[in-house]
PDB file of N, CA and C in Angstrom:
ATOM      1  N   UNK A   1      36.835  66.179  66.997  1.00  0.00           N
ATOM      2  CA  UNK A   1      36.883  65.104  67.707  1.00  0.00           C
ATOM      3  C   UNK A   1      35.569  64.421  67.821  1.00  0.00           C
ATOM      4  N   UNK A   2      35.469  63.190  67.652  1.00  0.00           N
ATOM      5  CA  UNK A   2      34.368  62.329  67.832  1.00  0.00           C
ATOM      6  C   UNK A   2      34.435  61.424  69.068  1.00  0.00           C
ATOM      7  N   UNK A   3      33.367  61.375  69.912  1.00  0.00           N
ATOM      8  CA  UNK A   3      33.526  60.496  70.966  1.00  0.00           C
ATOM      9  C   UNK A   3      32.436  59.571  70.981  1.00  0.00           C
ATOM     10  N   UNK A   4      32.809  58.297  71.381  1.00  0.00           N
ATOM     11  CA  UNK A   4      31.877  57.158  71.323  1.00  0.00           C
ATOM     12  C   UNK A   4      31.824  56.601  72.681  1.00  0.00           C
ATOM     13  N   UNK A   5      30.667  56.271  73.243  1.00  0.00           N
ATOM     14  CA  UNK A   5      30.560  55.446  74.550  1.00  0.00           C
ATOM     15  C   UNK A   5      31.039  54.153  74.303  1.00  0.00           C
ATOM     16  N   UNK A   6      32.093  53.773  75.160  1.00  0.00           N
ATOM     17  CA  UNK A   6      32.760  52.557  75.059  1.00  0.00           C
ATOM     18  C   UNK A   6      31.797  51.262  75.307  1.00  0.00           C
ATOM     19  N   UNK A   7      30.954  51.316  76.293  1.00  0.00           N
ATOM     20  CA  UNK A   7      29.978  50.274  76.471  1.00  0.00           C
ATOM     21  C   UNK A   7      28.964  50.035  75.462  1.00  0.00           C
ATOM     22  N   UNK A   8      28.319  51.036  75.081  1.00  0.00           N
ATOM     23  CA  UNK A   8      27.154  50.844  74.012  1.00  0.00           C
ATOM     24  C   UNK A   8      27.665  51.050  72.561  1.00  0.00           C
ATOM     25  N   UNK A   9      28.798  51.683  72.405  1.00  0.00           N
ATOM     26  CA  UNK A   9      29.314  52.008  71.063  1.00  0.00           C
ATOM     27  C   UNK A   9      28.490  53.138  70.362  1.00  0.00           C
ATOM     28  N   UNK A  10      27.619  53.872  71.205  1.00  0.00           N
ATOM     29  CA  UNK A  10      26.931  54.996  70.569  1.00  0.00           C
ATOM     30  C   UNK A  10      27.707  56.240  70.558  1.00  0.00           C
ATOM     31  N   UNK A  11      27.328  56.951  69.657  1.00  0.00           N
ATOM     32  CA  UNK A  11      27.941  58.240  69.349  1.00  0.00           C
ATOM     33  C   UNK A  11      27.547  59.122  70.556  1.00  0.00           C
ATOM     34  N   UNK A  12      28.616  59.939  71.337  1.00  0.00           N
ATOM     35  CA  UNK A  12      28.335  60.690  72.324  1.00  0.00           C
ATOM     36  C   UNK A  12      28.264  62.079  71.829  1.00  0.00           C
ATOM     37  N   UNK A  13      29.394  62.528  71.087  1.00  0.00           N
ATOM     38  CA  UNK A  13      29.482  63.933  70.477  1.00  0.00           C
ATOM     39  C   UNK A  13      30.532  64.031  69.484  1.00  0.00           C
ATOM     40  N   UNK A  14      30.488  65.094  68.681  1.00  0.00           N
ATOM     41  CA  UNK A  14      31.398  65.507  67.849  1.00  0.00           C
ATOM     42  C   UNK A  14      31.685  66.964  67.902  1.00  0.00           C
ATOM     43  N   UNK A  15      32.825  67.498  67.933  1.00  0.00           N
ATOM     44  CA  UNK A  15      33.208  68.764  68.119  1.00  0.00           C
ATOM     45  C   UNK A  15      34.496  69.221  67.337  1.00  0.00           C
ATOM     46  N   UNK A  16      34.456  70.317  66.807  1.00  0.00           N
ATOM     47  CA  UNK A  16      35.537  70.984  66.162  1.00  0.00           C
ATOM     48  C   UNK A  16      36.216  72.020  67.033  1.00  0.00           C
ATOM     49  N   UNK A  17      37.498  72.025  67.120  1.00  0.00           N
ATOM     50  CA  UNK A  17      38.123  73.091  67.984  1.00  0.00           C
ATOM     51  C   UNK A  17      39.166  73.799  67.023  1.00  0.00           C
ATOM     52  N   UNK A  18      39.181  75.123  67.245  1.00  0.00           N
ATOM     53  CA  UNK A  18      40.020  75.962  66.548  1.00  0.00           C
ATOM     54  C   UNK A  18      41.117  76.487  67.387  1.00  0.00           C
ATOM     55  N   UNK A  19      42.309  76.564  66.863  1.00  0.00           N
ATOM     56  CA  UNK A  19      43.504  77.262  67.582  1.00  0.00           C
ATOM     57  C   UNK A  19      43.949  78.369  66.621  1.00  0.00           C
ATOM     58  N   UNK A  20      44.541  79.341  67.270  1.00  0.00           N
ATOM     59  CA  UNK A  20      45.122  80.515  66.501  1.00  0.00           C
ATOM     60  C   UNK A  20      46.165  80.136  65.454  1.00  0.00           C
ATOM     61  N   UNK A  21      46.945  79.011  65.580  1.00  0.00           N
ATOM     62  CA  UNK A  21      48.105  78.571  64.906  1.00  0.00           C
ATOM     63  C   UNK A  21      47.797  77.192  64.407  1.00  0.00           C
ATOM     64  N   UNK A  22      48.416  76.754  63.188  1.00  0.00           N
ATOM     65  CA  UNK A  22      48.339  75.379  62.658  1.00  0.00           C
ATOM     66  C   UNK A  22      48.765  74.385  63.707  1.00  0.00           C
ATOM     67  N   UNK A  23      48.046  73.197  63.911  1.00  0.00           N
ATOM     68  CA  UNK A  23      48.572  72.138  64.830  1.00  0.00           C
ATOM     69  C   UNK A  23      49.340  71.214  63.820  1.00  0.00           C
ATOM     70  N   UNK A  24      50.548  70.723  64.390  1.00  0.00           N
ATOM     71  CA  UNK A  24      51.427  69.908  63.686  1.00  0.00           C
ATOM     72  C   UNK A  24      51.231  68.372  64.206  1.00  0.00           C
ATOM     73  N   UNK A  25      50.950  68.368  65.541  1.00  0.00           N
ATOM     74  CA  UNK A  25      50.924  66.857  66.107  1.00  0.00           C
ATOM     75  C   UNK A  25      49.985  66.953  67.333  1.00  0.00           C
ATOM     76  N   UNK A  26      49.377  65.777  67.529  1.00  0.00           N
ATOM     77  CA  UNK A  26      48.666  65.556  68.769  1.00  0.00           C
ATOM     78  C   UNK A  26      49.695  64.908  69.668  1.00  0.00           C
ATOM     79  N   UNK A  27      49.862  65.492  70.841  1.00  0.00           N
ATOM     80  CA  UNK A  27      50.972  64.922  71.856  1.00  0.00           C
ATOM     81  C   UNK A  27      50.193  63.954  72.838  1.00  0.00           C
ATOM     82  N   UNK A  28      48.966  64.147  73.147  1.00  0.00           N
ATOM     83  CA  UNK A  28      48.346  63.348  74.110  1.00  0.00           C
ATOM     84  C   UNK A  28      46.910  63.438  74.093  1.00  0.00           C
ATOM     85  N   UNK A  29      46.082  62.374  74.173  1.00  0.00           N
ATOM     86  CA  UNK A  29      44.729  62.296  74.421  1.00  0.00           C
ATOM     87  C   UNK A  29      44.350  61.245  75.410  1.00  0.00           C
ATOM     88  N   UNK A  30      43.856  61.766  76.570  1.00  0.00           N
ATOM     89  CA  UNK A  30      43.618  60.894  77.641  1.00  0.00           C
ATOM     90  C   UNK A  30      42.452  61.585  78.495  1.00  0.00           C
ATOM     91  N   UNK A  31      41.950  60.670  79.516  1.00  0.00           N
ATOM     92  CA  UNK A  31      40.852  61.068  80.436  1.00  0.00           C
ATOM     93  C   UNK A  31      41.295  60.800  81.861  1.00  0.00           C
ATOM     94  N   UNK A  32      40.827  61.619  82.763  1.00  0.00           N
ATOM     95  CA  UNK A  32      40.899  61.224  84.248  1.00  0.00           C
ATOM     96  C   UNK A  32      39.761  60.365  84.620  1.00  0.00           C
ATOM     97  N   UNK A  33      39.811  60.058  86.027  1.00  0.00           N
ATOM     98  CA  UNK A  33      38.774  59.162  86.559  1.00  0.00           C
ATOM     99  C   UNK A  33      37.335  59.699  86.506  1.00  0.00           C
ATOM    100  N   UNK A  34      37.327  61.100  86.525  1.00  0.00           N
ATOM    101  CA  UNK A  34      36.039  61.718  86.346  1.00  0.00           C
ATOM    102  C   UNK A  34      35.528  61.854  84.930  1.00  0.00           C
ATOM    103  N   UNK A  35      36.378  61.533  83.955  1.00  0.00           N
ATOM    104  CA  UNK A  35      35.959  61.587  82.488  1.00  0.00           C
ATOM    105  C   UNK A  35      36.366  62.924  81.924  1.00  0.00           C
ATOM    106  N   UNK A  36      36.999  63.829  82.482  1.00  0.00           N
ATOM    107  CA  UNK A  36      37.567  65.152  81.869  1.00  0.00           C
ATOM    108  C   UNK A  36      38.543  64.519  80.822  1.00  0.00           C
ATOM    109  N   UNK A  37      38.475  65.106  79.521  1.00  0.00           N
ATOM    110  CA  UNK A  37      39.352  64.738  78.427  1.00  0.00           C
ATOM    111  C   UNK A  37      40.417  65.770  78.291  1.00  0.00           C
ATOM    112  N   UNK A  38      41.754  65.251  78.174  1.00  0.00           N
ATOM    113  CA  UNK A  38      42.911  66.033  78.131  1.00  0.00           C
ATOM    114  C   UNK A  38      43.460  65.938  76.794  1.00  0.00           C
ATOM    115  N   UNK A  39      43.538  66.982  75.980  1.00  0.00           N
ATOM    116  CA  UNK A  39      44.201  66.918  74.701  1.00  0.00           C
ATOM    117  C   UNK A  39      45.352  67.822  74.561  1.00  0.00           C
ATOM    118  N   UNK A  40      46.574  67.451  74.191  1.00  0.00           N
ATOM    119  CA  UNK A  40      47.803  68.239  74.180  1.00  0.00           C
ATOM    120  C   UNK A  40      48.163  68.161  72.639  1.00  0.00           C
ATOM    121  N   UNK A  41      48.381  69.421  72.132  1.00  0.00           N
ATOM    122  CA  UNK A  41      48.752  69.561  70.705  1.00  0.00           C
ATOM    123  C   UNK A  41      49.903  70.497  70.590  1.00  0.00           C
ATOM    124  N   UNK A  42      50.748  70.463  69.504  1.00  0.00           N
ATOM    125  CA  UNK A  42      51.915  71.241  69.301  1.00  0.00           C
ATOM    126  C   UNK A  42      51.979  71.710  67.940  1.00  0.00           C
ATOM    127  N   UNK A  43      52.588  72.774  67.696  1.00  0.00           N
ATOM    128  CA  UNK A  43      52.772  73.481  66.353  1.00  0.00           C
ATOM    129  C   UNK A  43      54.050  74.301  66.377  1.00  0.00           C
ATOM    130  N   UNK A  44      54.075  75.041  65.399  1.00  0.00           N
ATOM    131  CA  UNK A  44      55.275  76.037  65.123  1.00  0.00           C
ATOM    132  C   UNK A  44      54.654  77.370  64.652  1.00  0.00           C
ATOM    133  N   UNK A  45      55.237  78.348  65.277  1.00  0.00           N
ATOM    134  CA  UNK A  45      54.743  79.723  64.811  1.00  0.00           C
ATOM    135  C   UNK A  45      55.379  80.091  63.469  1.00  0.00           C
ATOM    136  N   UNK A  46      54.738  80.871  62.623  1.00  0.00           N
ATOM    137  CA  UNK A  46      55.416  81.318  61.447  1.00  0.00           C
ATOM    138  C   UNK A  46      56.643  82.154  61.829  1.00  0.00           C
ATOM    139  N   UNK A  47      57.741  82.166  61.160  1.00  0.00           N
ATOM    140  CA  UNK A  47      58.924  82.910  61.359  1.00  0.00           C
ATOM    141  C   UNK A  47      59.509  83.387  60.144  1.00  0.00           C
ATOM    142  N   UNK A  48      60.337  84.437  60.261  1.00  0.00           N
ATOM    143  CA  UNK A  48      61.042  84.995  59.067  1.00  0.00           C
ATOM    144  C   UNK A  48      62.176  83.902  58.577  1.00  0.00           C
ATOM    145  N   UNK A  49      62.324  84.147  57.385  1.00  0.00           N
ATOM    146  CA  UNK A  49      63.503  82.978  56.708  1.00  0.00           C
ATOM    147  C   UNK A  49      64.753  83.138  57.386  1.00  0.00           C
ATOM    148  N   UNK A  50      65.114  84.287  57.958  1.00  0.00           N
ATOM    149  CA  UNK A  50      66.541  84.389  58.554  1.00  0.00           C
ATOM    150  C   UNK A  50      66.609  83.580  59.894  1.00  0.00           C
ATOM    151  N   UNK A  51      65.509  83.383  60.438  1.00  0.00           N
ATOM    152  CA  UNK A  51      65.593  82.561  61.826  1.00  0.00           C
ATOM    153  C   UNK A  51      65.711  81.081  61.543  1.00  0.00           C
ATOM    154  N   UNK A  52      66.665  80.438  62.274  1.00  0.00           N
ATOM    155  CA  UNK A  52      67.038  79.115  62.128  1.00  0.00           C
ATOM    156  C   UNK A  52      65.920  78.246  62.581  1.00  0.00           C
ATOM    157  N   UNK A  53      65.370  78.373  63.827  1.00  0.00           N
ATOM    158  CA  UNK A  53      64.413  77.470  64.469  1.00  0.00           C
ATOM    159  C   UNK A  53      63.207  78.348  64.658  1.00  0.00           C
ATOM    160  N   UNK A  54      61.939  77.828  64.249  1.00  0.00           N
ATOM    161  CA  UNK A  54      60.658  78.378  64.503  1.00  0.00           C
ATOM    162  C   UNK A  54      60.387  78.332  66.021  1.00  0.00           C
ATOM    163  N   UNK A  55      59.474  79.041  66.352  1.00  0.00           N
ATOM    164  CA  UNK A  55      58.925  78.962  67.732  1.00  0.00           C
ATOM    165  C   UNK A  55      57.884  77.837  68.004  1.00  0.00           C
ATOM    166  N   UNK A  56      58.284  76.789  68.814  1.00  0.00           N
ATOM    167  CA  UNK A  56      57.294  75.818  69.119  1.00  0.00           C
ATOM    168  C   UNK A  56      56.540  76.089  70.142  1.00  0.00           C
ATOM    169  N   UNK A  57      55.224  75.518  70.148  1.00  0.00           N
ATOM    170  CA  UNK A  57      54.250  75.679  71.030  1.00  0.00           C
ATOM    171  C   UNK A  57      53.514  74.504  71.494  1.00  0.00           C
ATOM    172  N   UNK A  58      53.137  74.368  72.792  1.00  0.00           N
ATOM    173  CA  UNK A  58      52.292  73.370  73.166  1.00  0.00           C
ATOM    174  C   UNK A  58      51.047  73.682  74.000  1.00  0.00           C
ATOM    175  N   UNK A  59      49.901  73.300  73.586  1.00  0.00           N
ATOM    176  CA  UNK A  59      48.642  73.753  74.254  1.00  0.00           C
ATOM    177  C   UNK A  59      47.987  72.595  74.774  1.00  0.00           C
ATOM    178  N   UNK A  60      47.600  72.761  75.969  1.00  0.00           N
ATOM    179  CA  UNK A  60      46.696  71.665  76.674  1.00  0.00           C
ATOM    180  C   UNK A  60      45.289  72.221  76.812  1.00  0.00           C
ATOM    181  N   UNK A  61      44.350  71.308  76.144  1.00  0.00           N
ATOM    182  CA  UNK A  61      42.857  71.579  76.179  1.00  0.00           C
ATOM    183  C   UNK A  61      42.181  70.636  77.283  1.00  0.00           C
ATOM    184  N   UNK A  62      41.299  71.226  77.932  1.00  0.00           N
ATOM    185  CA  UNK A  62      40.658  70.263  78.974  1.00  0.00           C
ATOM    186  C   UNK A  62      39.127  70.458  78.427  1.00  0.00           C
ATOM    187  N   UNK A  63      38.497  69.321  78.139  1.00  0.00           N
ATOM    188  CA  UNK A  63      37.293  69.139  77.647  1.00  0.00           C
ATOM    189  C   UNK A  63      36.198  68.355  78.557  1.00  0.00           C
ATOM    190  N   UNK A  64      35.093  68.809  78.440  1.00  0.00           N
ATOM    191  CA  UNK A  64      33.944  68.148  79.248  1.00  0.00           C
ATOM    192  C   UNK A  64      33.685  66.855  78.793  1.00  0.00           C
ATOM    193  N   UNK A  65      33.561  65.886  79.762  1.00  0.00           N
ATOM    194  CA  UNK A  65      33.321  64.468  79.404  1.00  0.00           C
ATOM    195  C   UNK A  65      31.988  64.286  78.749  1.00  0.00           C
ATOM    196  N   UNK A  66      30.831  65.092  79.020  1.00  0.00           N
ATOM    197  CA  UNK A  66      29.662  64.781  78.524  1.00  0.00           C
ATOM    198  C   UNK A  66      29.428  65.307  76.971  1.00  0.00           C
ATOM    199  N   UNK A  67      29.944  66.417  76.656  1.00  0.00           N
ATOM    200  CA  UNK A  67      29.714  67.116  75.530  1.00  0.00           C
ATOM    201  C   UNK A  67      30.860  67.547  74.689  1.00  0.00           C
ATOM    202  N   UNK A  68      32.209  67.431  75.423  1.00  0.00           N
ATOM    203  CA  UNK A  68      33.440  67.894  74.664  1.00  0.00           C
ATOM    204  C   UNK A  68      33.561  69.402  74.726  1.00  0.00           C
ATOM    205  N   UNK A  69      32.574  70.120  75.559  1.00  0.00           N
ATOM    206  CA  UNK A  69      32.695  71.589  75.676  1.00  0.00           C
ATOM    207  C   UNK A  69      34.008  72.000  76.233  1.00  0.00           C
ATOM    208  N   UNK A  70      34.777  73.074  75.767  1.00  0.00           N
ATOM    209  CA  UNK A  70      36.152  73.279  76.452  1.00  0.00           C
ATOM    210  C   UNK A  70      35.946  73.847  77.821  1.00  0.00           C
ATOM    211  N   UNK A  71      36.757  73.276  78.670  1.00  0.00           N
ATOM    212  CA  UNK A  71      36.718  73.735  80.205  1.00  0.00           C
ATOM    213  C   UNK A  71      37.715  74.620  80.510  1.00  0.00           C
ATOM    214  N   UNK A  72      38.672  74.781  79.586  1.00  0.00           N
ATOM    215  CA  UNK A  72      39.873  75.688  79.752  1.00  0.00           C
ATOM    216  C   UNK A  72      41.095  75.099  78.982  1.00  0.00           C
ATOM    217  N   UNK A  73      42.170  75.954  78.959  1.00  0.00           N
ATOM    218  CA  UNK A  73      43.249  75.518  78.366  1.00  0.00           C
ATOM    219  C   UNK A  73      44.566  76.074  79.024  1.00  0.00           C
ATOM    220  N   UNK A  74      45.806  75.567  78.716  1.00  0.00           N
ATOM    221  CA  UNK A  74      46.983  76.084  79.342  1.00  0.00           C
ATOM    222  C   UNK A  74      48.016  75.928  78.335  1.00  0.00           C
ATOM    223  N   UNK A  75      48.935  76.836  78.253  1.00  0.00           N
ATOM    224  CA  UNK A  75      50.145  76.864  77.368  1.00  0.00           C
ATOM    225  C   UNK A  75      51.308  76.261  78.073  1.00  0.00           C
ATOM    226  N   UNK A  76      51.922  75.256  77.639  1.00  0.00           N
ATOM    227  CA  UNK A  76      52.960  74.549  78.165  1.00  0.00           C
ATOM    228  C   UNK A  76      54.280  74.871  77.555  1.00  0.00           C
ATOM    229  N   UNK A  77      55.390  74.676  78.314  1.00  0.00           N
ATOM    230  CA  UNK A  77      56.702  74.925  77.605  1.00  0.00           C
ATOM    231  C   UNK A  77      56.988  73.802  76.510  1.00  0.00           C
ATOM    232  N   UNK A  78      57.615  74.185  75.524  1.00  0.00           N
ATOM    233  CA  UNK A  78      58.014  73.183  74.466  1.00  0.00           C
ATOM    234  C   UNK A  78      59.314  72.503  74.782  1.00  0.00           C
ATOM    235  N   UNK A  79      59.393  71.202  74.778  1.00  0.00           N
ATOM    236  CA  UNK A  79      60.641  70.619  75.027  1.00  0.00           C
ATOM    237  C   UNK A  79      61.693  71.043  74.116  1.00  0.00           C
ATOM    238  N   UNK A  80      62.864  71.681  74.577  1.00  0.00           N
ATOM    239  CA  UNK A  80      63.817  72.279  73.849  1.00  0.00           C
ATOM    240  C   UNK A  80      65.023  71.278  73.434  1.00  0.00           C
ATOM    241  N   UNK A  81      65.037  70.037  73.972  1.00  0.00           N
ATOM    242  CA  UNK A  81      66.046  69.145  73.686  1.00  0.00           C
ATOM    243  C   UNK A  81      65.667  68.128  72.612  1.00  0.00           C
ATOM    244  N   UNK A  82      66.658  67.622  71.909  1.00  0.00           N
ATOM    245  CA  UNK A  82      66.292  66.686  70.809  1.00  0.00           C
ATOM    246  C   UNK A  82      65.898  65.261  71.218  1.00  0.00           C
ATOM    247  N   UNK A  83      66.413  64.890  72.413  1.00  0.00           N
ATOM    248  CA  UNK A  83      65.988  63.557  72.932  1.00  0.00           C
ATOM    249  C   UNK A  83      64.411  63.322  72.986  1.00  0.00           C
ATOM    250  N   UNK A  84      64.172  62.135  72.521  1.00  0.00           N
ATOM    251  CA  UNK A  84      62.686  61.708  72.516  1.00  0.00           C
ATOM    252  C   UNK A  84      62.586  60.763  73.666  1.00  0.00           C
ATOM    253  N   UNK A  85      61.305  60.650  74.090  1.00  0.00           N
ATOM    254  CA  UNK A  85      60.897  59.742  75.132  1.00  0.00           C
ATOM    255  C   UNK A  85      59.698  59.041  74.691  1.00  0.00           C
ATOM    256  N   UNK A  86      59.322  57.904  75.330  1.00  0.00           N
ATOM    257  CA  UNK A  86      58.132  57.174  74.911  1.00  0.00           C
ATOM    258  C   UNK A  86      56.876  57.879  75.283  1.00  0.00           C
ATOM    259  N   UNK A  87      56.836  58.502  76.410  1.00  0.00           N
ATOM    260  CA  UNK A  87      55.636  59.287  76.924  1.00  0.00           C
ATOM    261  C   UNK A  87      55.994  60.438  77.826  1.00  0.00           C
ATOM    262  N   UNK A  88      55.736  61.557  77.230  1.00  0.00           N
ATOM    263  CA  UNK A  88      56.091  62.831  78.090  1.00  0.00           C
ATOM    264  C   UNK A  88      54.888  63.213  78.869  1.00  0.00           C
ATOM    265  N   UNK A  89      53.594  62.749  78.789  1.00  0.00           N
ATOM    266  CA  UNK A  89      52.559  63.094  79.441  1.00  0.00           C
ATOM    267  C   UNK A  89      51.798  62.084  80.134  1.00  0.00           C
ATOM    268  N   UNK A  90      51.308  62.238  81.416  1.00  0.00           N
ATOM    269  CA  UNK A  90      50.504  61.228  82.098  1.00  0.00           C
ATOM    270  C   UNK A  90      49.440  61.928  82.765  1.00  0.00           C
ATOM    271  N   UNK A  91      48.283  61.354  82.792  1.00  0.00           N
ATOM    272  CA  UNK A  91      47.029  61.854  83.459  1.00  0.00           C
ATOM    273  C   UNK A  91      46.733  61.010  84.757  1.00  0.00           C
ATOM    274  N   UNK A  92      46.915  61.529  85.912  1.00  0.00           N
ATOM    275  CA  UNK A  92      46.572  60.819  87.122  1.00  0.00           C
ATOM    276  C   UNK A  92      44.939  60.721  87.125  1.00  0.00           C
ATOM    277  N   UNK A  93      44.507  59.815  87.951  1.00  0.00           N
ATOM    278  CA  UNK A  93      43.108  59.724  88.156  1.00  0.00           C
ATOM    279  C   UNK A  93      42.488  61.001  88.650  1.00  0.00           C
ATOM    280  N   UNK A  94      43.212  61.602  89.608  1.00  0.00           N
ATOM    281  CA  UNK A  94      42.843  62.863  90.384  1.00  0.00           C
ATOM    282  C   UNK A  94      42.600  64.108  89.404  1.00  0.00           C
ATOM    283  N   UNK A  95      43.100  63.974  88.210  1.00  0.00           N
ATOM    284  CA  UNK A  95      42.994  65.000  87.193  1.00  0.00           C
ATOM    285  C   UNK A  95      44.294  65.790  87.009  1.00  0.00           C
ATOM    286  N   UNK A  96      44.187  66.681  86.020  1.00  0.00           N
ATOM    287  CA  UNK A  96      45.517  67.405  85.771  1.00  0.00           C
ATOM    288  C   UNK A  96      46.455  66.650  84.829  1.00  0.00           C
ATOM    289  N   UNK A  97      47.501  67.141  84.508  1.00  0.00           N
ATOM    290  CA  UNK A  97      48.238  66.514  83.530  1.00  0.00           C
ATOM    291  C   UNK A  97      49.912  66.522  84.114  1.00  0.00           C
ATOM    292  N   UNK A  98      50.633  65.469  84.192  1.00  0.00           N
ATOM    293  CA  UNK A  98      52.032  65.459  84.555  1.00  0.00           C
ATOM    294  C   UNK A  98      52.815  65.442  83.178  1.00  0.00           C
ATOM    295  N   UNK A  99      53.722  66.441  82.993  1.00  0.00           N
ATOM    296  CA  UNK A  99      54.406  66.680  81.876  1.00  0.00           C
ATOM    297  C   UNK A  99      55.918  66.626  82.066  1.00  0.00           C
ATOM    298  N   UNK A 100      56.708  65.850  81.501  1.00  0.00           N
ATOM    299  CA  UNK A 100      58.091  65.822  81.491  1.00  0.00           C
ATOM    300  C   UNK A 100      58.805  66.794  80.495  1.00  0.00           C
ATOM    301  N   UNK A 101      59.407  67.893  81.226  1.00  0.00           N
ATOM    302  CA  UNK A 101      59.865  68.895  80.457  1.00  0.00           C
ATOM    303  C   UNK A 101      61.432  68.812  80.337  1.00  0.00           C
ATOM    304  N   UNK A 102      61.943  68.684  79.142  1.00  0.00           N
ATOM    305  CA  UNK A 102      63.272  68.498  79.035  1.00  0.00           C
ATOM    306  C   UNK A 102      64.018  69.800  78.599  1.00  0.00           C
ATOM    307  N   UNK A 103      65.040  70.340  79.314  1.00  0.00           N
ATOM    308  CA  UNK A 103      65.939  71.511  79.019  1.00  0.00           C
ATOM    309  C   UNK A 103      67.355  71.069  79.053  1.00  0.00           C
ATOM    310  N   UNK A 104      68.239  71.991  78.773  1.00  0.00           N
ATOM    311  CA  UNK A 104      69.660  71.802  78.846  1.00  0.00           C
ATOM    312  C   UNK A 104      70.012  71.391  80.280  1.00  0.00           C
ATOM    313  N   UNK A 105      69.344  71.944  81.346  1.00  0.00           N
ATOM    314  CA  UNK A 105      69.544  71.719  82.754  1.00  0.00           C
ATOM    315  C   UNK A 105      69.096  70.426  83.264  1.00  0.00           C
ATOM    316  N   UNK A 106      68.324  69.695  82.480  1.00  0.00           N
ATOM    317  CA  UNK A 106      67.805  68.403  82.879  1.00  0.00           C
ATOM    318  C   UNK A 106      66.423  68.247  82.688  1.00  0.00           C
ATOM    319  N   UNK A 107      65.761  67.204  83.358  1.00  0.00           N
ATOM    320  CA  UNK A 107      64.307  66.853  83.118  1.00  0.00           C
ATOM    321  C   UNK A 107      63.647  67.216  84.292  1.00  0.00           C
ATOM    322  N   UNK A 108      62.559  67.892  84.242  1.00  0.00           N
ATOM    323  CA  UNK A 108      61.679  68.127  85.446  1.00  0.00           C
ATOM    324  C   UNK A 108      60.192  67.613  85.085  1.00  0.00           C
ATOM    325  N   UNK A 109      59.503  67.127  86.061  1.00  0.00           N
ATOM    326  CA  UNK A 109      58.170  66.678  86.011  1.00  0.00           C
ATOM    327  C   UNK A 109      57.243  67.776  86.585  1.00  0.00           C
ATOM    328  N   UNK A 110      56.358  68.367  85.624  1.00  0.00           N
ATOM    329  CA  UNK A 110      55.623  69.547  86.030  1.00  0.00           C
ATOM    330  C   UNK A 110      54.227  69.139  86.015  1.00  0.00           C
ATOM    331  N   UNK A 111      53.337  69.668  86.799  1.00  0.00           N
ATOM    332  CA  UNK A 111      51.881  69.386  86.910  1.00  0.00           C
ATOM    333  C   UNK A 111      51.052  70.536  86.261  1.00  0.00           C
ATOM    334  N   UNK A 112      50.162  70.419  85.331  1.00  0.00           N
ATOM    335  CA  UNK A 112      49.390  71.409  84.753  1.00  0.00           C
ATOM    336  C   UNK A 112      47.849  71.031  84.764  1.00  0.00           C
ATOM    337  N   UNK A 113      47.191  72.145  84.884  1.00  0.00           N
ATOM    338  CA  UNK A 113      45.548  71.957  84.922  1.00  0.00           C
ATOM    339  C   UNK A 113      45.183  73.212  83.990  1.00  0.00           C
ATOM    340  N   UNK A 114      43.814  73.101  83.564  1.00  0.00           N
ATOM    341  CA  UNK A 114      43.426  74.143  82.612  1.00  0.00           C
ATOM    342  C   UNK A 114      42.629  75.080  83.471  1.00  0.00           C
ATOM    343  N   UNK A 115      42.505  74.997  84.768  1.00  0.00           N
ATOM    344  CA  UNK A 115      41.710  75.983  85.588  1.00  0.00           C
ATOM    345  C   UNK A 115      42.472  77.196  85.987  1.00  0.00           C
TER     346      UNK A 115
END
């Protein structure tokens, strides 16, 4: 990740993050009012050929606004339904992440933090 100061266009930091499994997509990249960076990524776990559907995972990373240092992480449930939405995540100014989780029983809005 590379961060640039919006006003001055000066480079703030560059960081590389490692996860134990390959990342297939970035689901969200946003900040709260204090500058904490929220990054949500997803992927699939390796699975035996006889399994029809691999295990999907979603991880939320919270990063320091000044240098991108990890502040913590949280594992979120993967959306199990095929329906797509325009935006599953929202970051309120107060911090944390609101996540729209879709299951066969319906949709719930859940709040997650990395602490």
